[in-house]
Amino acid sequence: MNDIYEHVRQSGQQMSEKMKTRYDRKMNKKGFDEGSEPSSNPFVWLYNPVRSKGKSPKLQAKWDGPYWIVTRIYDVTYRIQKGARSTPKFVHVDRLARYCGPDNTRDELVLGGSMDILTPPLHGYSDQ
């Protein structure tokens, strides 16, 4: 009977290690750049699947932004802000995806320019 319990414990431990390696493979280890350096891209999309009543969830936007990364709080926690006067949000890195757009995005966010050319990521949480 003890042999069976030992086999079950080992099998559970092996499966746990496999799941951890799979998760770590997809995890964003590098993080994102903060907005202080002009050469970096401090903009990200925020995964925020809010469902509106009466609308098809399939047609609702799940990504919001672009947001500006204000600071990196911890390894996995960031403070982001949509505009100069908006309230900052604290989010986990798993809810962020790198924004790749035009160079004048910061001016558009601050001055309230056209945001028609921005498109969120198509798959998953990050591009890596």
N, C-alpha and C. Protein backbone atom coordinates (compact mmCIF):
# COMPACT_ATOMS: atom_id res chain seq x y z
N MET A 1 0.82 -1.19 0.00
CA MET A 1 0.00 0.00 0.00
C MET A 1 0.87 1.26 0.00
N ASN A 2 1.95 1.25 0.78
CA ASN A 2 2.84 2.41 0.82
C ASN A 2 3.52 2.65 -0.53
N ASP A 3 3.77 1.57 -1.27
CA ASP A 3 4.37 1.72 -2.60
C ASP A 3 3.43 2.48 -3.54
N ILE A 4 2.15 2.21 -3.41
CA ILE A 4 1.17 2.89 -4.26
C ILE A 4 1.14 4.38 -3.94
N TYR A 5 1.11 4.72 -2.63
CA TYR A 5 1.11 6.12 -2.23
C TYR A 5 2.37 6.84 -2.70
N GLU A 6 3.50 6.16 -2.59
CA GLU A 6 4.77 6.76 -3.04
C GLU A 6 4.75 7.00 -4.54
N HIS A 7 4.21 6.05 -5.30
CA HIS A 7 4.12 6.20 -6.76
C HIS A 7 3.21 7.39 -7.12
N VAL A 8 2.09 7.52 -6.41
CA VAL A 8 1.15 8.63 -6.67
C VAL A 8 1.82 9.96 -6.35
N ARG A 9 2.58 10.05 -5.24
CA ARG A 9 3.28 11.29 -4.88
C ARG A 9 4.31 11.66 -5.94
N GLN A 10 5.09 10.69 -6.40
CA GLN A 10 6.10 10.97 -7.42
C GLN A 10 5.45 11.40 -8.73
N SER A 11 4.37 10.74 -9.10
CA SER A 11 3.67 11.09 -10.34
C SER A 11 3.11 12.51 -10.25
N GLY A 12 2.53 12.87 -9.12
CA GLY A 12 2.02 14.22 -8.93
C GLY A 12 3.11 15.27 -8.97
N GLN A 13 4.25 14.96 -8.38
CA GLN A 13 5.39 15.89 -8.38
C GLN A 13 5.93 16.08 -9.81
N GLN A 14 6.02 15.00 -10.58
CA GLN A 14 6.49 15.10 -11.96
C GLN A 14 5.54 15.94 -12.80
N MET A 15 4.25 15.74 -12.62
CA MET A 15 3.28 16.54 -13.38
C MET A 15 3.35 18.00 -12.99
N SER A 16 3.56 18.28 -11.71
CA SER A 16 3.68 19.66 -11.25
C SER A 16 4.90 20.34 -11.88
N GLU A 17 6.01 19.64 -11.95
CA GLU A 17 7.22 20.18 -12.58
C GLU A 17 7.02 20.44 -14.07
N LYS A 18 6.31 19.53 -14.75
CA LYS A 18 6.02 19.72 -16.18
C LYS A 18 5.17 20.95 -16.42
N MET A 19 4.13 21.14 -15.57
CA MET A 19 3.26 22.30 -15.73
C MET A 19 4.03 23.59 -15.47
N LYS A 20 4.94 23.57 -14.51
CA LYS A 20 5.73 24.76 -14.21
C LYS A 20 6.65 25.11 -15.38
N THR A 21 7.30 24.13 -15.98
CA THR A 21 8.18 24.42 -17.11
C THR A 21 7.38 24.96 -18.30
N ARG A 22 6.19 24.43 -18.54
CA ARG A 22 5.36 24.95 -19.63
C ARG A 22 4.94 26.39 -19.37
N TYR A 23 4.56 26.68 -18.14
CA TYR A 23 4.17 28.05 -17.79
C TYR A 23 5.36 28.99 -17.93
N ASP A 24 6.51 28.59 -17.42
CA ASP A 24 7.70 29.44 -17.48
C ASP A 24 8.16 29.71 -18.91
N ARG A 25 7.90 28.77 -19.80
CA ARG A 25 8.28 28.95 -21.20
C ARG A 25 7.51 30.10 -21.84
N LYS A 26 6.25 30.26 -21.47
CA LYS A 26 5.40 31.30 -22.06
C LYS A 26 5.46 32.62 -21.30
N MET A 27 6.02 32.61 -20.12
CA MET A 27 6.04 33.80 -19.28
C MET A 27 6.96 34.88 -19.85
N ASN A 28 6.57 36.13 -19.65
CA ASN A 28 7.37 37.27 -20.11
C ASN A 28 8.44 37.54 -19.06
N LYS A 29 9.66 37.08 -19.29
CA LYS A 29 10.72 37.22 -18.29
C LYS A 29 11.40 38.58 -18.34
N LYS A 30 11.44 39.18 -19.50
CA LYS A 30 12.13 40.46 -19.64
C LYS A 30 11.34 41.63 -19.08
N GLY A 31 10.04 41.55 -19.12
CA GLY A 31 9.22 42.66 -18.67
C GLY A 31 9.09 43.72 -19.75
N PHE A 32 8.73 44.93 -19.33
CA PHE A 32 8.52 46.03 -20.25
C PHE A 32 9.35 47.22 -19.81
N ASP A 33 9.65 48.11 -20.76
CA ASP A 33 10.43 49.31 -20.47
C ASP A 33 9.54 50.37 -19.86
N GLU A 34 10.12 51.16 -18.96
CA GLU A 34 9.39 52.27 -18.39
C GLU A 34 9.44 53.45 -19.36
N GLY A 35 8.59 54.43 -19.14
CA GLY A 35 8.45 55.54 -20.06
C GLY A 35 9.47 56.64 -19.94
N SER A 36 10.48 56.49 -19.12
CA SER A 36 11.43 57.58 -18.93
C SER A 36 12.40 57.73 -20.10
N GLU A 37 12.72 56.63 -20.78
CA GLU A 37 13.69 56.70 -21.89
C GLU A 37 12.95 56.94 -23.20
N PRO A 38 13.34 57.97 -23.97
CA PRO A 38 12.63 58.23 -25.22
C PRO A 38 12.89 57.17 -26.29
N SER A 39 14.01 56.44 -26.20
CA SER A 39 14.31 55.44 -27.23
C SER A 39 13.51 54.17 -27.03
N SER A 40 13.03 53.92 -25.81
CA SER A 40 12.27 52.71 -25.55
C SER A 40 10.82 52.88 -25.97
N ASN A 41 10.10 51.78 -26.03
CA ASN A 41 8.68 51.81 -26.34
C ASN A 41 7.92 51.56 -25.04
N PRO A 42 7.49 52.61 -24.34
CA PRO A 42 6.86 52.43 -23.04
C PRO A 42 5.35 52.19 -23.11
N PHE A 43 4.84 51.78 -24.27
CA PHE A 43 3.40 51.61 -24.42
C PHE A 43 3.01 50.14 -24.47
N VAL A 44 1.87 49.81 -23.87
CA VAL A 44 1.38 48.44 -23.81
C VAL A 44 -0.14 48.43 -24.00
N TRP A 45 -0.66 47.26 -24.37
CA TRP A 45 -2.09 47.01 -24.38
C TRP A 45 -2.45 46.38 -23.04
N LEU A 46 -3.65 46.63 -22.55
CA LEU A 46 -4.14 46.04 -21.30
C LEU A 46 -5.26 45.07 -21.63
N TYR A 47 -5.11 43.82 -21.18
CA TYR A 47 -6.17 42.81 -21.37
C TYR A 47 -7.24 43.06 -20.32
N ASN A 48 -8.43 43.44 -20.79
CA ASN A 48 -9.51 43.80 -19.89
C ASN A 48 -10.83 43.34 -20.51
N PRO A 49 -11.18 42.05 -20.37
CA PRO A 49 -12.37 41.52 -21.03
C PRO A 49 -13.67 41.87 -20.30
N VAL A 50 -14.10 43.11 -20.41
CA VAL A 50 -15.35 43.56 -19.79
C VAL A 50 -16.50 43.21 -20.73
N ARG A 51 -17.52 42.57 -20.18
CA ARG A 51 -18.67 42.19 -21.00
C ARG A 51 -19.81 43.18 -20.79
N SER A 52 -20.34 43.68 -21.89
CA SER A 52 -21.49 44.57 -21.84
C SER A 52 -22.75 43.76 -22.07
N LYS A 53 -23.77 44.06 -21.30
CA LYS A 53 -25.02 43.33 -21.42
C LYS A 53 -25.71 43.69 -22.73
N GLY A 54 -26.20 42.68 -23.42
CA GLY A 54 -26.92 42.90 -24.66
C GLY A 54 -26.04 42.87 -25.90
N LYS A 55 -24.74 42.70 -25.72
CA LYS A 55 -23.83 42.63 -26.86
C LYS A 55 -23.15 41.27 -26.89
N SER A 56 -22.81 40.83 -28.07
CA SER A 56 -22.14 39.55 -28.21
C SER A 56 -20.71 39.64 -27.66
N PRO A 57 -20.30 38.72 -26.77
CA PRO A 57 -18.95 38.78 -26.23
C PRO A 57 -17.89 38.58 -27.32
N LYS A 58 -18.27 37.90 -28.38
CA LYS A 58 -17.33 37.66 -29.46
C LYS A 58 -16.91 38.94 -30.17
N LEU A 59 -17.80 39.92 -30.19
CA LEU A 59 -17.53 41.16 -30.91
C LEU A 59 -17.05 42.29 -30.01
N GLN A 60 -16.90 42.04 -28.72
CA GLN A 60 -16.45 43.08 -27.81
C GLN A 60 -14.93 43.11 -27.73
N ALA A 61 -14.38 44.28 -27.54
CA ALA A 61 -12.93 44.44 -27.46
C ALA A 61 -12.44 43.93 -26.12
N LYS A 62 -11.41 43.09 -26.15
CA LYS A 62 -10.83 42.56 -24.93
C LYS A 62 -9.56 43.30 -24.54
N TRP A 63 -8.99 44.06 -25.46
CA TRP A 63 -7.76 44.79 -25.20
C TRP A 63 -8.05 46.28 -25.19
N ASP A 64 -7.50 46.97 -24.23
CA ASP A 64 -7.72 48.40 -24.08
C ASP A 64 -6.37 49.10 -24.13
N GLY A 65 -6.35 50.31 -24.68
CA GLY A 65 -5.09 51.05 -24.67
C GLY A 65 -4.87 51.82 -25.93
N PRO A 66 -3.68 52.25 -26.18
CA PRO A 66 -2.45 51.89 -25.48
C PRO A 66 -2.29 52.65 -24.17
N TYR A 67 -1.62 51.99 -23.23
CA TYR A 67 -1.30 52.58 -21.94
C TYR A 67 0.19 52.87 -21.89
N TRP A 68 0.55 53.87 -21.12
CA TRP A 68 1.93 54.26 -20.93
C TRP A 68 2.42 53.64 -19.62
N ILE A 69 3.57 52.98 -19.62
CA ILE A 69 4.12 52.39 -18.41
C ILE A 69 4.80 53.49 -17.61
N VAL A 70 4.24 53.79 -16.44
CA VAL A 70 4.79 54.85 -15.59
C VAL A 70 5.98 54.31 -14.81
N THR A 71 5.77 53.23 -14.05
CA THR A 71 6.84 52.62 -13.27
C THR A 71 6.66 51.12 -13.17
N ARG A 72 7.74 50.46 -12.86
CA ARG A 72 7.72 49.03 -12.57
C ARG A 72 7.77 48.91 -11.05
N ILE A 73 6.70 48.43 -10.44
CA ILE A 73 6.61 48.34 -8.99
C ILE A 73 7.43 47.14 -8.48
N TYR A 74 7.10 45.96 -8.96
CA TYR A 74 7.82 44.73 -8.66
C TYR A 74 8.18 44.06 -9.97
N ASP A 75 8.67 42.84 -9.91
CA ASP A 75 9.03 42.13 -11.14
C ASP A 75 7.82 41.89 -12.03
N VAL A 76 6.66 41.71 -11.44
CA VAL A 76 5.47 41.37 -12.22
C VAL A 76 4.35 42.40 -12.10
N THR A 77 4.57 43.49 -11.40
CA THR A 77 3.54 44.51 -11.21
C THR A 77 3.99 45.85 -11.80
N TYR A 78 3.10 46.45 -12.58
CA TYR A 78 3.39 47.72 -13.24
C TYR A 78 2.32 48.75 -12.91
N ARG A 79 2.72 50.01 -12.94
CA ARG A 79 1.77 51.12 -12.84
C ARG A 79 1.66 51.67 -14.25
N ILE A 80 0.45 51.66 -14.80
CA ILE A 80 0.23 52.15 -16.17
C ILE A 80 -0.79 53.28 -16.13
N GLN A 81 -0.77 54.10 -17.19
CA GLN A 81 -1.66 55.25 -17.26
C GLN A 81 -2.03 55.47 -18.72
N LYS A 82 -3.30 55.77 -18.98
CA LYS A 82 -3.76 55.93 -20.36
C LYS A 82 -3.42 57.30 -20.93
N GLY A 83 -3.53 58.33 -20.15
CA GLY A 83 -3.23 59.68 -20.60
C GLY A 83 -2.57 60.45 -19.48
N ALA A 84 -2.28 61.72 -19.75
CA ALA A 84 -1.58 62.54 -18.77
C ALA A 84 -2.44 62.80 -17.53
N ARG A 85 -3.76 62.88 -17.69
CA ARG A 85 -4.64 63.22 -16.57
C ARG A 85 -5.44 62.03 -16.05
N SER A 86 -5.25 60.87 -16.60
CA SER A 86 -6.04 59.71 -16.17
C SER A 86 -5.47 59.11 -14.88
N THR A 87 -6.29 58.35 -14.21
CA THR A 87 -5.87 57.69 -12.97
C THR A 87 -4.99 56.50 -13.29
N PRO A 88 -3.85 56.35 -12.62
CA PRO A 88 -2.98 55.20 -12.89
C PRO A 88 -3.60 53.90 -12.39
N LYS A 89 -3.26 52.80 -13.06
CA LYS A 89 -3.73 51.47 -12.68
C LYS A 89 -2.52 50.62 -12.32
N PHE A 90 -2.71 49.70 -11.40
CA PHE A 90 -1.68 48.74 -11.02
C PHE A 90 -2.11 47.39 -11.59
N VAL A 91 -1.29 46.81 -12.48
CA VAL A 91 -1.67 45.57 -13.15
C VAL A 91 -0.52 44.58 -13.15
N HIS A 92 -0.89 43.32 -13.29
CA HIS A 92 0.08 42.23 -13.38
C HIS A 92 0.59 42.14 -14.81
N VAL A 93 1.83 41.69 -14.97
CA VAL A 93 2.47 41.64 -16.28
C VAL A 93 1.74 40.68 -17.23
N ASP A 94 1.03 39.69 -16.71
CA ASP A 94 0.31 38.75 -17.56
C ASP A 94 -0.85 39.41 -18.30
N ARG A 95 -1.29 40.57 -17.85
CA ARG A 95 -2.39 41.28 -18.51
C ARG A 95 -1.90 42.32 -19.51
N LEU A 96 -0.60 42.38 -19.76
CA LEU A 96 -0.03 43.39 -20.66
C LEU A 96 0.55 42.74 -21.91
N ALA A 97 0.46 43.46 -23.02
CA ALA A 97 1.08 43.04 -24.28
C ALA A 97 1.76 44.26 -24.89
N ARG A 98 2.92 44.05 -25.48
CA ARG A 98 3.68 45.15 -26.05
C ARG A 98 2.91 45.82 -27.17
N TYR A 99 2.95 47.14 -27.20
CA TYR A 99 2.30 47.93 -28.24
C TYR A 99 3.33 48.27 -29.31
N CYS A 100 3.01 47.99 -30.54
CA CYS A 100 3.87 48.34 -31.67
C CYS A 100 3.06 49.26 -32.58
N GLY A 101 3.38 50.53 -32.55
CA GLY A 101 2.62 51.49 -33.32
C GLY A 101 3.49 52.63 -33.79
N PRO A 102 2.88 53.72 -34.23
CA PRO A 102 3.64 54.85 -34.74
C PRO A 102 4.44 55.53 -33.64
N ASP A 103 5.48 56.26 -34.03
CA ASP A 103 6.36 56.92 -33.08
C ASP A 103 5.69 58.08 -32.37
N ASN A 104 4.66 58.67 -32.95
CA ASN A 104 4.04 59.84 -32.35
C ASN A 104 2.86 59.48 -31.44
N THR A 105 2.85 58.28 -30.90
CA THR A 105 1.74 57.84 -30.05
C THR A 105 1.64 58.68 -28.80
N ARG A 106 2.76 59.04 -28.20
CA ARG A 106 2.72 59.83 -26.98
C ARG A 106 2.02 61.17 -27.23
N ASP A 107 2.32 61.82 -28.36
CA ASP A 107 1.67 63.09 -28.68
C ASP A 107 0.17 62.91 -28.86
N GLU A 108 -0.21 61.80 -29.50
CA GLU A 108 -1.63 61.55 -29.71
C GLU A 108 -2.35 61.32 -28.40
N LEU A 109 -1.70 60.63 -27.45
CA LEU A 109 -2.34 60.38 -26.16
C LEU A 109 -2.50 61.67 -25.36
N VAL A 110 -1.48 62.49 -25.34
CA VAL A 110 -1.52 63.70 -24.54
C VAL A 110 -2.42 64.75 -25.17
N LEU A 111 -2.35 64.91 -26.49
CA LEU A 111 -3.09 65.96 -27.16
C LEU A 111 -4.48 65.53 -27.61
N GLY A 112 -4.79 64.23 -27.48
CA GLY A 112 -6.12 63.75 -27.84
C GLY A 112 -6.30 63.61 -29.33
N GLY A 113 -5.28 63.19 -30.04
CA GLY A 113 -5.35 63.02 -31.49
C GLY A 113 -6.12 61.78 -31.88
N SER A 114 -6.13 61.48 -33.15
CA SER A 114 -6.85 60.33 -33.68
C SER A 114 -6.17 59.04 -33.25
N MET A 115 -6.99 58.06 -32.82
CA MET A 115 -6.46 56.79 -32.38
C MET A 115 -6.98 55.65 -33.28
N ASP A 116 -7.39 55.97 -34.49
CA ASP A 116 -7.98 54.97 -35.38
C ASP A 116 -6.98 53.92 -35.84
N ILE A 117 -5.69 54.24 -35.87
CA ILE A 117 -4.71 53.33 -36.43
C ILE A 117 -4.22 52.30 -35.44
N LEU A 118 -4.69 52.33 -34.20
CA LEU A 118 -4.20 51.42 -33.17
C LEU A 118 -4.99 50.13 -33.20
N THR A 119 -4.30 49.00 -33.19
CA THR A 119 -4.98 47.71 -33.16
C THR A 119 -4.36 46.85 -32.06
N PRO A 120 -5.20 46.17 -31.28
CA PRO A 120 -4.68 45.33 -30.20
C PRO A 120 -4.11 44.03 -30.73
N PRO A 121 -3.37 43.28 -29.90
CA PRO A 121 -2.84 42.00 -30.33
C PRO A 121 -3.95 41.01 -30.63
N LEU A 122 -3.68 40.07 -31.51
CA LEU A 122 -4.70 39.13 -31.93
C LEU A 122 -4.79 37.91 -31.03
N HIS A 123 -3.67 37.38 -30.59
CA HIS A 123 -3.70 36.13 -29.82
C HIS A 123 -3.01 36.32 -28.48
N GLY A 124 -3.55 35.69 -27.46
CA GLY A 124 -2.88 35.58 -26.16
C GLY A 124 -2.61 36.90 -25.49
N TYR A 125 -1.82 36.84 -24.43
CA TYR A 125 -1.56 38.01 -23.61
C TYR A 125 -0.33 38.78 -24.05
N SER A 126 0.66 38.14 -24.63
CA SER A 126 1.87 38.88 -25.00
C SER A 126 2.39 38.39 -26.33
N ASP A 127 3.30 39.14 -26.88
CA ASP A 127 3.83 38.84 -28.21
C ASP A 127 5.10 38.01 -28.16
N GLN A 128 5.46 37.47 -27.05
CA GLN A 128 6.73 36.75 -26.93
C GLN A 128 6.52 35.28 -26.76
